[in-house]
PDB file of N, CA and C in Angstrom:
ATOM      1  N   UNK A   1     -22.987  58.080  58.808  1.00  0.00           N
ATOM      2  CA  UNK A   1     -21.625  57.449  58.410  1.00  0.00           C
ATOM      3  C   UNK A   1     -20.787  57.204  59.542  1.00  0.00           C
ATOM      4  N   UNK A   2     -20.670  58.496  60.302  1.00  0.00           N
ATOM      5  CA  UNK A   2     -19.625  58.450  61.500  1.00  0.00           C
ATOM      6  C   UNK A   2     -20.056  57.470  62.460  1.00  0.00           C
ATOM      7  N   UNK A   3     -21.253  57.273  62.922  1.00  0.00           N
ATOM      8  CA  UNK A   3     -21.725  56.308  63.657  1.00  0.00           C
ATOM      9  C   UNK A   3     -21.319  54.832  63.254  1.00  0.00           C
ATOM     10  N   UNK A   4     -21.629  54.652  62.050  1.00  0.00           N
ATOM     11  CA  UNK A   4     -21.329  53.455  61.538  1.00  0.00           C
ATOM     12  C   UNK A   4     -19.988  52.969  61.499  1.00  0.00           C
ATOM     13  N   UNK A   5     -18.954  53.988  61.408  1.00  0.00           N
ATOM     14  CA  UNK A   5     -17.612  53.662  61.439  1.00  0.00           C
ATOM     15  C   UNK A   5     -17.171  53.466  62.930  1.00  0.00           C
ATOM     16  N   UNK A   6     -17.820  54.002  63.858  1.00  0.00           N
ATOM     17  CA  UNK A   6     -17.580  53.958  65.287  1.00  0.00           C
ATOM     18  C   UNK A   6     -18.016  52.555  65.566  1.00  0.00           C
ATOM     19  N   UNK A   7     -19.085  52.176  65.248  1.00  0.00           N
ATOM     20  CA  UNK A   7     -19.771  50.857  65.468  1.00  0.00           C
ATOM     21  C   UNK A   7     -18.784  49.736  65.075  1.00  0.00           C
ATOM     22  N   UNK A   8     -18.253  50.011  63.822  1.00  0.00           N
ATOM     23  CA  UNK A   8     -17.453  48.770  63.148  1.00  0.00           C
ATOM     24  C   UNK A   8     -16.082  48.750  64.091  1.00  0.00           C
ATOM     25  N   UNK A   9     -15.592  49.931  64.435  1.00  0.00           N
ATOM     26  CA  UNK A   9     -14.215  50.054  65.217  1.00  0.00           C
ATOM     27  C   UNK A   9     -14.537  49.244  66.544  1.00  0.00           C
ATOM     28  N   UNK A  10     -15.636  49.465  67.266  1.00  0.00           N
ATOM     29  CA  UNK A  10     -15.945  48.878  68.506  1.00  0.00           C
ATOM     30  C   UNK A  10     -16.188  47.328  68.241  1.00  0.00           C
ATOM     31  N   UNK A  11     -16.736  46.988  67.243  1.00  0.00           N
ATOM     32  CA  UNK A  11     -16.831  45.557  66.976  1.00  0.00           C
ATOM     33  C   UNK A  11     -15.436  44.786  66.749  1.00  0.00           C
ATOM     34  N   UNK A  12     -14.632  45.467  66.057  1.00  0.00           N
ATOM     35  CA  UNK A  12     -13.260  45.048  65.713  1.00  0.00           C
ATOM     36  C   UNK A  12     -12.504  44.902  67.150  1.00  0.00           C
ATOM     37  N   UNK A  13     -12.640  45.826  67.974  1.00  0.00           N
ATOM     38  CA  UNK A  13     -11.909  45.999  69.309  1.00  0.00           C
ATOM     39  C   UNK A  13     -12.483  44.873  70.213  1.00  0.00           C
ATOM     40  N   UNK A  14     -13.718  44.589  70.144  1.00  0.00           N
ATOM     41  CA  UNK A  14     -14.195  43.345  70.968  1.00  0.00           C
ATOM     42  C   UNK A  14     -13.714  42.212  70.448  1.00  0.00           C
ATOM     43  N   UNK A  15     -13.737  41.922  69.143  1.00  0.00           N
ATOM     44  CA  UNK A  15     -13.097  40.767  68.711  1.00  0.00           C
ATOM     45  C   UNK A  15     -11.631  40.537  68.940  1.00  0.00           C
ATOM     46  N   UNK A  16     -10.798  41.500  68.994  1.00  0.00           N
ATOM     47  CA  UNK A  16      -9.338  41.568  69.315  1.00  0.00           C
ATOM     48  C   UNK A  16      -9.270  41.247  70.743  1.00  0.00           C
ATOM     49  N   UNK A  17     -10.023  41.778  71.860  1.00  0.00           N
ATOM     50  CA  UNK A  17      -9.937  41.668  73.050  1.00  0.00           C
ATOM     51  C   UNK A  17     -10.174  39.959  73.458  1.00  0.00           C
ATOM     52  N   UNK A  18     -11.221  39.437  72.714  1.00  0.00           N
ATOM     53  CA  UNK A  18     -11.636  38.112  72.847  1.00  0.00           C
ATOM     54  C   UNK A  18     -10.414  37.082  72.391  1.00  0.00           C
ATOM     55  N   UNK A  19      -9.746  37.582  71.261  1.00  0.00           N
ATOM     56  CA  UNK A  19      -8.833  36.617  70.766  1.00  0.00           C
ATOM     57  C   UNK A  19      -7.450  36.683  71.660  1.00  0.00           C
ATOM     58  N   UNK A  20      -7.265  37.710  72.374  1.00  0.00           N
ATOM     59  CA  UNK A  20      -6.267  37.808  73.392  1.00  0.00           C
ATOM     60  C   UNK A  20      -6.628  37.117  74.747  1.00  0.00           C
ATOM     61  N   UNK A  21      -8.004  37.077  74.897  1.00  0.00           N
ATOM     62  CA  UNK A  21      -8.420  36.274  76.143  1.00  0.00           C
ATOM     63  C   UNK A  21      -8.335  34.791  75.978  1.00  0.00           C
ATOM     64  N   UNK A  22      -8.674  34.360  74.788  1.00  0.00           N
ATOM     65  CA  UNK A  22      -8.595  32.831  74.479  1.00  0.00           C
ATOM     66  C   UNK A  22      -7.733  32.709  73.313  1.00  0.00           C
ATOM     67  N   UNK A  23      -6.431  32.806  73.247  1.00  0.00           N
ATOM     68  CA  UNK A  23      -5.688  32.552  72.063  1.00  0.00           C
ATOM     69  C   UNK A  23      -5.743  31.114  71.524  1.00  0.00           C
ATOM     70  N   UNK A  24      -5.577  30.812  70.377  1.00  0.00           N
ATOM     71  CA  UNK A  24      -5.325  29.608  69.777  1.00  0.00           C
ATOM     72  C   UNK A  24      -3.892  28.967  69.853  1.00  0.00           C
ATOM     73  N   UNK A  25      -3.797  27.782  70.493  1.00  0.00           N
ATOM     74  CA  UNK A  25      -2.482  27.096  70.475  1.00  0.00           C
ATOM     75  C   UNK A  25      -2.332  26.344  69.479  1.00  0.00           C
ATOM     76  N   UNK A  26      -1.381  26.548  68.349  1.00  0.00           N
ATOM     77  CA  UNK A  26      -1.260  25.821  67.171  1.00  0.00           C
ATOM     78  C   UNK A  26      -0.556  24.513  67.462  1.00  0.00           C
ATOM     79  N   UNK A  27       0.141  24.351  68.535  1.00  0.00           N
ATOM     80  CA  UNK A  27       0.853  23.097  68.864  1.00  0.00           C
ATOM     81  C   UNK A  27      -0.097  22.073  69.371  1.00  0.00           C
ATOM     82  N   UNK A  28      -1.444  22.403  69.700  1.00  0.00           N
ATOM     83  CA  UNK A  28      -2.304  21.472  70.075  1.00  0.00           C
ATOM     84  C   UNK A  28      -2.891  20.768  68.905  1.00  0.00           C
ATOM     85  N   UNK A  29      -2.705  21.142  67.590  1.00  0.00           N
ATOM     86  CA  UNK A  29      -3.195  20.565  66.573  1.00  0.00           C
ATOM     87  C   UNK A  29      -2.735  19.137  66.280  1.00  0.00           C
ATOM     88  N   UNK A  30      -1.508  18.809  66.824  1.00  0.00           N
ATOM     89  CA  UNK A  30      -0.960  17.548  66.639  1.00  0.00           C
ATOM     90  C   UNK A  30      -1.311  16.596  67.688  1.00  0.00           C
ATOM     91  N   UNK A  31      -2.066  16.868  68.742  1.00  0.00           N
ATOM     92  CA  UNK A  31      -2.394  16.010  69.852  1.00  0.00           C
ATOM     93  C   UNK A  31      -3.372  14.922  69.288  1.00  0.00           C
ATOM     94  N   UNK A  32      -3.398  13.734  69.949  1.00  0.00           N
ATOM     95  CA  UNK A  32      -4.407  12.709  69.479  1.00  0.00           C
ATOM     96  C   UNK A  32      -5.738  13.114  69.856  1.00  0.00           C
ATOM     97  N   UNK A  33      -6.727  12.780  69.042  1.00  0.00           N
ATOM     98  CA  UNK A  33      -8.041  13.163  69.223  1.00  0.00           C
ATOM     99  C   UNK A  33      -8.665  12.598  70.557  1.00  0.00           C
ATOM    100  N   UNK A  34      -8.025  11.497  71.187  1.00  0.00           N
ATOM    101  CA  UNK A  34      -8.611  11.042  72.391  1.00  0.00           C
ATOM    102  C   UNK A  34      -8.263  12.063  73.509  1.00  0.00           C
ATOM    103  N   UNK A  35      -7.069  12.598  73.480  1.00  0.00           N
ATOM    104  CA  UNK A  35      -6.580  13.657  74.303  1.00  0.00           C
ATOM    105  C   UNK A  35      -7.600  14.901  74.341  1.00  0.00           C
ATOM    106  N   UNK A  36      -7.796  15.236  73.042  1.00  0.00           N
ATOM    107  CA  UNK A  36      -8.527  16.484  72.915  1.00  0.00           C
ATOM    108  C   UNK A  36      -9.935  16.257  73.394  1.00  0.00           C
ATOM    109  N   UNK A  37     -10.696  15.245  73.166  1.00  0.00           N
ATOM    110  CA  UNK A  37     -11.818  14.908  73.705  1.00  0.00           C
ATOM    111  C   UNK A  37     -11.864  14.805  75.189  1.00  0.00           C
ATOM    112  N   UNK A  38     -10.830  14.134  75.745  1.00  0.00           N
ATOM    113  CA  UNK A  38     -10.820  14.061  77.258  1.00  0.00           C
ATOM    114  C   UNK A  38     -10.588  15.525  77.887  1.00  0.00           C
ATOM    115  N   UNK A  39      -9.934  16.481  77.178  1.00  0.00           N
ATOM    116  CA  UNK A  39      -9.842  17.870  77.692  1.00  0.00           C
ATOM    117  C   UNK A  39     -11.273  18.591  77.562  1.00  0.00           C
ATOM    118  N   UNK A  40     -11.885  18.256  76.480  1.00  0.00           N
ATOM    119  CA  UNK A  40     -13.219  18.855  76.219  1.00  0.00           C
ATOM    120  C   UNK A  40     -14.250  18.386  77.368  1.00  0.00           C
ATOM    121  N   UNK A  41     -14.231  17.068  77.728  1.00  0.00           N
ATOM    122  CA  UNK A  41     -15.019  16.494  78.840  1.00  0.00           C
ATOM    123  C   UNK A  41     -14.707  17.080  80.156  1.00  0.00           C
ATOM    124  N   UNK A  42     -13.464  17.280  80.379  1.00  0.00           N
ATOM    125  CA  UNK A  42     -13.133  18.060  81.652  1.00  0.00           C
ATOM    126  C   UNK A  42     -13.677  19.392  81.649  1.00  0.00           C
ATOM    127  N   UNK A  43     -13.523  20.053  80.523  1.00  0.00           N
ATOM    128  CA  UNK A  43     -14.171  21.589  80.538  1.00  0.00           C
ATOM    129  C   UNK A  43     -15.665  21.571  80.720  1.00  0.00           C
ATOM    130  N   UNK A  44     -16.311  20.567  80.118  1.00  0.00           N
ATOM    131  CA  UNK A  44     -17.708  20.457  80.211  1.00  0.00           C
ATOM    132  C   UNK A  44     -18.136  20.156  81.712  1.00  0.00           C
ATOM    133  N   UNK A  45     -17.335  19.292  82.332  1.00  0.00           N
ATOM    134  CA  UNK A  45     -17.609  19.036  83.648  1.00  0.00           C
ATOM    135  C   UNK A  45     -17.366  20.039  84.669  1.00  0.00           C
ATOM    136  N   UNK A  46     -16.375  20.973  84.347  1.00  0.00           N
ATOM    137  CA  UNK A  46     -16.119  22.220  85.185  1.00  0.00           C
ATOM    138  C   UNK A  46     -17.201  23.180  84.949  1.00  0.00           C
ATOM    139  N   UNK A  47     -17.672  23.311  83.663  1.00  0.00           N
ATOM    140  CA  UNK A  47     -18.860  24.325  83.338  1.00  0.00           C
ATOM    141  C   UNK A  47     -20.073  23.849  84.083  1.00  0.00           C
ATOM    142  N   UNK A  48     -20.465  22.674  83.927  1.00  0.00           N
ATOM    143  CA  UNK A  48     -21.661  22.148  84.493  1.00  0.00           C
ATOM    144  C   UNK A  48     -21.452  22.087  86.059  1.00  0.00           C
ATOM    145  N   UNK A  49     -20.365  21.839  86.656  1.00  0.00           N
ATOM    146  CA  UNK A  49     -20.256  21.723  88.073  1.00  0.00           C
ATOM    147  C   UNK A  49     -19.848  22.888  89.003  1.00  0.00           C
ATOM    148  N   UNK A  50     -19.072  23.667  88.232  1.00  0.00           N
ATOM    149  CA  UNK A  50     -18.409  24.814  89.117  1.00  0.00           C
ATOM    150  C   UNK A  50     -18.627  26.228  88.507  1.00  0.00           C
ATOM    151  N   UNK A  51     -19.236  26.389  87.459  1.00  0.00           N
ATOM    152  CA  UNK A  51     -19.435  27.697  86.925  1.00  0.00           C
ATOM    153  C   UNK A  51     -20.947  28.235  87.264  1.00  0.00           C
ATOM    154  N   UNK A  52     -21.014  29.373  87.841  1.00  0.00           N
ATOM    155  CA  UNK A  52     -22.437  29.819  88.175  1.00  0.00           C
ATOM    156  C   UNK A  52     -22.924  30.604  87.005  1.00  0.00           C
ATOM    157  N   UNK A  53     -24.284  30.836  87.222  1.00  0.00           N
ATOM    158  CA  UNK A  53     -25.031  31.628  86.211  1.00  0.00           C
ATOM    159  C   UNK A  53     -24.703  33.061  86.328  1.00  0.00           C
ATOM    160  N   UNK A  54     -24.808  33.871  85.404  1.00  0.00           N
ATOM    161  CA  UNK A  54     -24.994  33.715  84.085  1.00  0.00           C
ATOM    162  C   UNK A  54     -23.949  33.392  83.232  1.00  0.00           C
ATOM    163  N   UNK A  55     -22.847  33.069  83.627  1.00  0.00           N
ATOM    164  CA  UNK A  55     -21.460  32.788  83.004  1.00  0.00           C
ATOM    165  C   UNK A  55     -21.785  31.299  82.300  1.00  0.00           C
ATOM    166  N   UNK A  56     -22.474  30.411  82.981  1.00  0.00           N
ATOM    167  CA  UNK A  56     -22.609  29.021  82.190  1.00  0.00           C
ATOM    168  C   UNK A  56     -23.433  29.184  81.038  1.00  0.00           C
ATOM    169  N   UNK A  57     -24.512  29.955  81.218  1.00  0.00           N
ATOM    170  CA  UNK A  57     -25.317  30.122  80.127  1.00  0.00           C
ATOM    171  C   UNK A  57     -24.612  30.865  78.821  1.00  0.00           C
ATOM    172  N   UNK A  58     -24.022  31.972  79.249  1.00  0.00           N
ATOM    173  CA  UNK A  58     -23.351  32.575  78.015  1.00  0.00           C
ATOM    174  C   UNK A  58     -22.282  31.750  77.557  1.00  0.00           C
ATOM    175  N   UNK A  59     -21.532  31.046  78.331  1.00  0.00           N
ATOM    176  CA  UNK A  59     -20.530  30.001  77.783  1.00  0.00           C
ATOM    177  C   UNK A  59     -21.161  28.971  76.685  1.00  0.00           C
ATOM    178  N   UNK A  60     -22.241  28.504  77.281  1.00  0.00           N
ATOM    179  CA  UNK A  60     -22.985  27.617  76.377  1.00  0.00           C
ATOM    180  C   UNK A  60     -23.565  28.146  75.016  1.00  0.00           C
ATOM    181  N   UNK A  61     -24.060  29.376  75.176  1.00  0.00           N
ATOM    182  CA  UNK A  61     -24.444  30.077  73.966  1.00  0.00           C
ATOM    183  C   UNK A  61     -23.489  30.268  73.070  1.00  0.00           C
ATOM    184  N   UNK A  62     -22.305  30.787  73.566  1.00  0.00           N
ATOM    185  CA  UNK A  62     -21.165  31.167  72.609  1.00  0.00           C
ATOM    186  C   UNK A  62     -20.498  29.932  72.109  1.00  0.00           C
ATOM    187  N   UNK A  63     -20.173  28.893  72.631  1.00  0.00           N
ATOM    188  CA  UNK A  63     -19.568  27.647  72.243  1.00  0.00           C
ATOM    189  C   UNK A  63     -20.323  26.644  71.783  1.00  0.00           C
ATOM    190  N   UNK A  64     -21.491  26.353  72.387  1.00  0.00           N
ATOM    191  CA  UNK A  64     -22.222  25.123  71.945  1.00  0.00           C
ATOM    192  C   UNK A  64     -23.191  25.507  70.772  1.00  0.00           C
ATOM    193  N   UNK A  65     -23.820  26.847  70.961  1.00  0.00           N
ATOM    194  CA  UNK A  65     -24.732  27.356  69.813  1.00  0.00           C
ATOM    195  C   UNK A  65     -24.077  28.332  68.788  1.00  0.00           C
ATOM    196  N   UNK A  66     -22.818  28.547  69.186  1.00  0.00           N
ATOM    197  CA  UNK A  66     -22.147  29.546  68.389  1.00  0.00           C
ATOM    198  C   UNK A  66     -22.613  30.839  68.017  1.00  0.00           C
ATOM    199  N   UNK A  67     -23.330  31.399  68.983  1.00  0.00           N
ATOM    200  CA  UNK A  67     -23.888  32.883  68.838  1.00  0.00           C
ATOM    201  C   UNK A  67     -22.991  33.736  68.906  1.00  0.00           C
ATOM    202  N   UNK A  68     -23.174  34.930  68.364  1.00  0.00           N
ATOM    203  CA  UNK A  68     -22.220  36.016  68.507  1.00  0.00           C
ATOM    204  C   UNK A  68     -22.466  36.785  69.809  1.00  0.00           C
ATOM    205  N   UNK A  69     -21.634  37.615  70.194  1.00  0.00           N
ATOM    206  CA  UNK A  69     -21.841  38.473  71.393  1.00  0.00           C
ATOM    207  C   UNK A  69     -23.107  39.215  71.518  1.00  0.00           C
ATOM    208  N   UNK A  70     -23.428  39.967  70.167  1.00  0.00           N
ATOM    209  CA  UNK A  70     -24.539  40.621  70.138  1.00  0.00           C
ATOM    210  C   UNK A  70     -25.880  39.770  70.185  1.00  0.00           C
ATOM    211  N   UNK A  71     -25.772  38.644  69.514  1.00  0.00           N
ATOM    212  CA  UNK A  71     -26.940  37.592  69.712  1.00  0.00           C
ATOM    213  C   UNK A  71     -27.230  37.239  71.138  1.00  0.00           C
ATOM    214  N   UNK A  72     -26.080  36.928  71.793  1.00  0.00           N
ATOM    215  CA  UNK A  72     -26.373  36.446  73.235  1.00  0.00           C
ATOM    216  C   UNK A  72     -26.851  37.703  74.007  1.00  0.00           C
ATOM    217  N   UNK A  73     -26.186  38.905  73.692  1.00  0.00           N
ATOM    218  CA  UNK A  73     -26.804  40.065  74.660  1.00  0.00           C
ATOM    219  C   UNK A  73     -28.176  40.346  74.297  1.00  0.00           C
ATOM    220  N   UNK A  74     -28.700  40.078  73.159  1.00  0.00           N
ATOM    221  CA  UNK A  74     -30.099  40.397  72.766  1.00  0.00           C
ATOM    222  C   UNK A  74     -30.905  39.226  73.525  1.00  0.00           C
ATOM    223  N   UNK A  75     -30.548  37.981  73.352  1.00  0.00           N
ATOM    224  CA  UNK A  75     -31.299  36.859  74.016  1.00  0.00           C
ATOM    225  C   UNK A  75     -31.314  36.992  75.482  1.00  0.00           C
ATOM    226  N   UNK A  76     -30.315  37.383  76.158  1.00  0.00           N
ATOM    227  CA  UNK A  76     -30.249  37.575  77.562  1.00  0.00           C
ATOM    228  C   UNK A  76     -30.501  38.857  78.150  1.00  0.00           C
ATOM    229  N   UNK A  77     -31.029  39.894  77.204  1.00  0.00           N
ATOM    230  CA  UNK A  77     -31.150  41.222  77.564  1.00  0.00           C
ATOM    231  C   UNK A  77     -30.078  41.975  78.466  1.00  0.00           C
ATOM    232  N   UNK A  78     -28.822  41.699  77.866  1.00  0.00           N
ATOM    233  CA  UNK A  78     -27.595  42.311  78.474  1.00  0.00           C
ATOM    234  C   UNK A  78     -26.944  43.090  77.402  1.00  0.00           C
ATOM    235  N   UNK A  79     -26.045  43.899  78.071  1.00  0.00           N
ATOM    236  CA  UNK A  79     -25.152  44.640  77.045  1.00  0.00           C
ATOM    237  C   UNK A  79     -23.932  43.764  76.518  1.00  0.00           C
ATOM    238  N   UNK A  80     -23.583  44.193  75.366  1.00  0.00           N
ATOM    239  CA  UNK A  80     -22.465  43.229  74.745  1.00  0.00           C
ATOM    240  C   UNK A  80     -21.074  43.308  75.652  1.00  0.00           C
ATOM    241  N   UNK A  81     -20.956  44.233  76.344  1.00  0.00           N
ATOM    242  CA  UNK A  81     -19.840  44.443  77.358  1.00  0.00           C
ATOM    243  C   UNK A  81     -20.081  43.580  78.477  1.00  0.00           C
ATOM    244  N   UNK A  82     -21.242  43.333  78.959  1.00  0.00           N
ATOM    245  CA  UNK A  82     -21.700  42.530  80.009  1.00  0.00           C
ATOM    246  C   UNK A  82     -21.322  40.919  79.699  1.00  0.00           C
ATOM    247  N   UNK A  83     -21.592  40.552  78.395  1.00  0.00           N
ATOM    248  CA  UNK A  83     -21.543  39.259  77.867  1.00  0.00           C
ATOM    249  C   UNK A  83     -20.112  38.991  77.811  1.00  0.00           C
ATOM    250  N   UNK A  84     -19.306  39.935  77.322  1.00  0.00           N
ATOM    251  CA  UNK A  84     -17.801  39.800  77.268  1.00  0.00           C
ATOM    252  C   UNK A  84     -17.219  39.581  78.603  1.00  0.00           C
ATOM    253  N   UNK A  85     -17.689  40.341  79.632  1.00  0.00           N
ATOM    254  CA  UNK A  85     -17.121  40.420  80.926  1.00  0.00           C
ATOM    255  C   UNK A  85     -17.486  39.055  81.543  1.00  0.00           C
ATOM    256  N   UNK A  86     -18.647  38.523  81.396  1.00  0.00           N
ATOM    257  CA  UNK A  86     -18.908  37.321  81.953  1.00  0.00           C
ATOM    258  C   UNK A  86     -18.371  36.042  81.332  1.00  0.00           C
ATOM    259  N   UNK A  87     -18.191  36.060  79.993  1.00  0.00           N
ATOM    260  CA  UNK A  87     -17.622  35.140  79.425  1.00  0.00           C
ATOM    261  C   UNK A  87     -16.020  35.049  79.829  1.00  0.00           C
ATOM    262  N   UNK A  88     -15.366  36.312  80.030  1.00  0.00           N
ATOM    263  CA  UNK A  88     -14.017  36.451  80.353  1.00  0.00           C
ATOM    264  C   UNK A  88     -13.914  35.729  81.642  1.00  0.00           C
ATOM    265  N   UNK A  89     -14.858  35.914  82.691  1.00  0.00           N
ATOM    266  CA  UNK A  89     -14.744  35.390  84.100  1.00  0.00           C
ATOM    267  C   UNK A  89     -14.947  33.916  83.859  1.00  0.00           C
ATOM    268  N   UNK A  90     -15.696  33.457  82.995  1.00  0.00           N
ATOM    269  CA  UNK A  90     -15.961  31.969  83.041  1.00  0.00           C
ATOM    270  C   UNK A  90     -14.598  31.283  82.476  1.00  0.00           C
ATOM    271  N   UNK A  91     -14.121  31.783  81.387  1.00  0.00           N
ATOM    272  CA  UNK A  91     -12.851  31.374  80.774  1.00  0.00           C
ATOM    273  C   UNK A  91     -11.714  31.444  81.669  1.00  0.00           C
ATOM    274  N   UNK A  92     -11.582  32.316  82.605  1.00  0.00           N
ATOM    275  CA  UNK A  92     -10.514  32.609  83.477  1.00  0.00           C
ATOM    276  C   UNK A  92     -10.640  31.463  84.570  1.00  0.00           C
ATOM    277  N   UNK A  93     -11.759  31.232  85.008  1.00  0.00           N
ATOM    278  CA  UNK A  93     -12.285  30.359  86.063  1.00  0.00           C
ATOM    279  C   UNK A  93     -11.941  28.808  85.543  1.00  0.00           C
ATOM    280  N   UNK A  94     -12.230  28.613  84.270  1.00  0.00           N
ATOM    281  CA  UNK A  94     -11.792  27.282  83.656  1.00  0.00           C
ATOM    282  C   UNK A  94     -10.381  27.014  83.531  1.00  0.00           C
ATOM    283  N   UNK A  95      -9.566  28.152  83.214  1.00  0.00           N
ATOM    284  CA  UNK A  95      -8.361  27.908  83.097  1.00  0.00           C
ATOM    285  C   UNK A  95      -7.554  27.791  84.476  1.00  0.00           C
ATOM    286  N   UNK A  96      -8.091  28.449  85.513  1.00  0.00           N
ATOM    287  CA  UNK A  96      -7.512  28.125  86.730  1.00  0.00           C
ATOM    288  C   UNK A  96      -7.777  26.834  87.340  1.00  0.00           C
ATOM    289  N   UNK A  97      -8.781  26.089  86.876  1.00  0.00           N
ATOM    290  CA  UNK A  97      -9.140  24.677  87.454  1.00  0.00           C
ATOM    291  C   UNK A  97      -8.586  23.532  86.575  1.00  0.00           C
ATOM    292  N   UNK A  98      -8.229  23.883  85.364  1.00  0.00           N
ATOM    293  CA  UNK A  98      -7.563  22.828  84.460  1.00  0.00           C
ATOM    294  C   UNK A  98      -6.095  22.421  85.014  1.00  0.00           C
TER     295      UNK A  98
END
């Protein structure tokens, strides 16, 4: 029971850290769809051209295939913490290039 509670708390903490890493901006909801699609195209170009492995693979698994951190970690034989770290690095790099 104790370990189950600890695991639940860790999972919640990881979700909170990710939310702070990539917050949603509600003001973007009113942008024209063309503008949103153009921004997604720029992000895809950055990921394909300027992001190294394993960050690129983790980014694609998370956002294209919508896998959880645990699923990505299992698939790539990494720890959940490493998946989080690589994804954070990738998102920070994308933000600095946009």
